[in-house]
Protein backbone atom coordinates (compact mmCIF):
# COMPACT_ATOMS: atom_id res chain seq x y z
CA UNK A 1 7.39 -16.83 7.79
CA UNK A 2 5.98 -13.50 8.97
CA UNK A 3 7.96 -10.58 9.78
CA UNK A 4 6.00 -10.63 13.65
CA UNK A 5 7.19 -14.22 13.54
CA UNK A 6 10.84 -13.75 12.06
CA UNK A 7 11.11 -10.96 14.54
CA UNK A 8 10.16 -12.92 16.88
CA UNK A 9 12.80 -16.28 16.05
CA UNK A 10 15.74 -12.87 16.24
CA UNK A 11 14.54 -12.34 19.87
CA UNK A 12 14.30 -15.83 20.84
CA UNK A 13 17.53 -16.79 19.37
CA UNK A 14 20.12 -13.98 20.11
CA UNK A 15 17.77 -12.06 22.80
CA UNK A 16 15.97 -8.52 22.19
CA UNK A 17 18.84 -6.13 21.93
CA UNK A 18 21.29 -7.83 20.22
CA UNK A 19 18.94 -9.66 17.90
CA UNK A 20 18.30 -5.54 16.77
CA UNK A 21 21.79 -4.83 16.28
CA UNK A 22 22.25 -8.37 13.91
CA UNK A 23 19.33 -7.54 11.77
CA UNK A 24 20.23 -3.52 11.20
CA UNK A 25 23.92 -3.93 11.36
CA UNK A 26 25.10 -7.53 9.97
CA UNK A 27 26.24 -7.44 6.65
CA UNK A 28 24.99 -10.75 4.96
CA UNK A 29 26.57 -11.35 1.16
CA UNK A 30 23.94 -14.03 0.74
CA UNK A 31 20.73 -10.86 0.79
CA UNK A 32 23.08 -9.03 -2.02
CA UNK A 33 25.11 -7.39 0.72
CA UNK A 34 22.34 -5.82 2.91
CA UNK A 35 21.25 -6.55 6.38
CA UNK A 36 18.16 -8.33 7.35
CA UNK A 37 16.32 -5.29 8.19
CA UNK A 38 17.57 -4.05 4.56
CA UNK A 39 16.85 -7.20 2.91
CA UNK A 40 12.65 -7.50 4.11
CA UNK A 41 12.24 -3.82 3.63
CA UNK A 42 13.58 -4.38 0.10
CA UNK A 43 10.92 -7.18 -0.15
CA UNK A 44 13.35 -10.88 0.21
CA UNK A 45 10.53 -12.82 2.83
CA UNK A 46 11.81 -13.50 5.96
CA UNK A 47 12.10 -16.57 5.72
CA UNK A 48 14.89 -16.58 3.24
CA UNK A 49 16.47 -13.51 5.48
CA UNK A 50 15.96 -15.86 8.60
CA UNK A 51 17.86 -18.88 6.79
CA UNK A 52 20.34 -16.20 5.28
CA UNK A 53 20.87 -14.50 9.21
CA UNK A 54 21.71 -18.77 10.45
CA UNK A 55 24.08 -19.75 8.25
CA UNK A 56 25.64 -16.41 8.75
CA UNK A 57 25.83 -16.49 12.32
CA UNK A 58 26.38 -20.32 12.95
CA UNK A 59 22.04 -21.28 14.36
CA UNK A 60 22.36 -24.92 15.05
CA UNK A 61 19.86 -26.62 12.22
CA UNK A 62 17.77 -27.90 14.81
CA UNK A 63 16.76 -23.89 15.65
CA UNK A 64 15.89 -23.08 11.58
CA UNK A 65 13.22 -24.26 10.88
CA UNK A 66 9.84 -23.47 13.17
CA UNK A 67 11.56 -20.87 14.55
CA UNK A 68 9.17 -17.50 16.12
CA UNK A 69 6.13 -19.59 15.78
CA UNK A 70 3.78 -18.97 18.98
CA UNK A 71 3.01 -21.84 21.50
CA UNK A 72 0.22 -23.90 20.63
CA UNK A 73 -3.06 -22.66 23.30
CA UNK A 74 -4.33 -25.88 24.26
């Protein structure tokens, strides 16, 4: 997962504003007591951050994989 895909997945799942708030403010123990933004800045792969965020916030597993991928062009 690229950073842009992470950002798209967060916006799609939580909305642009709330998603930004979550990634900036929600401290995740699974990520060493970091927010998602801090974890990415520390070099933790966006996919790991996304999955930790999903687990913490109760996102259904059906939304975990493939999130953030752009719609294929026809």
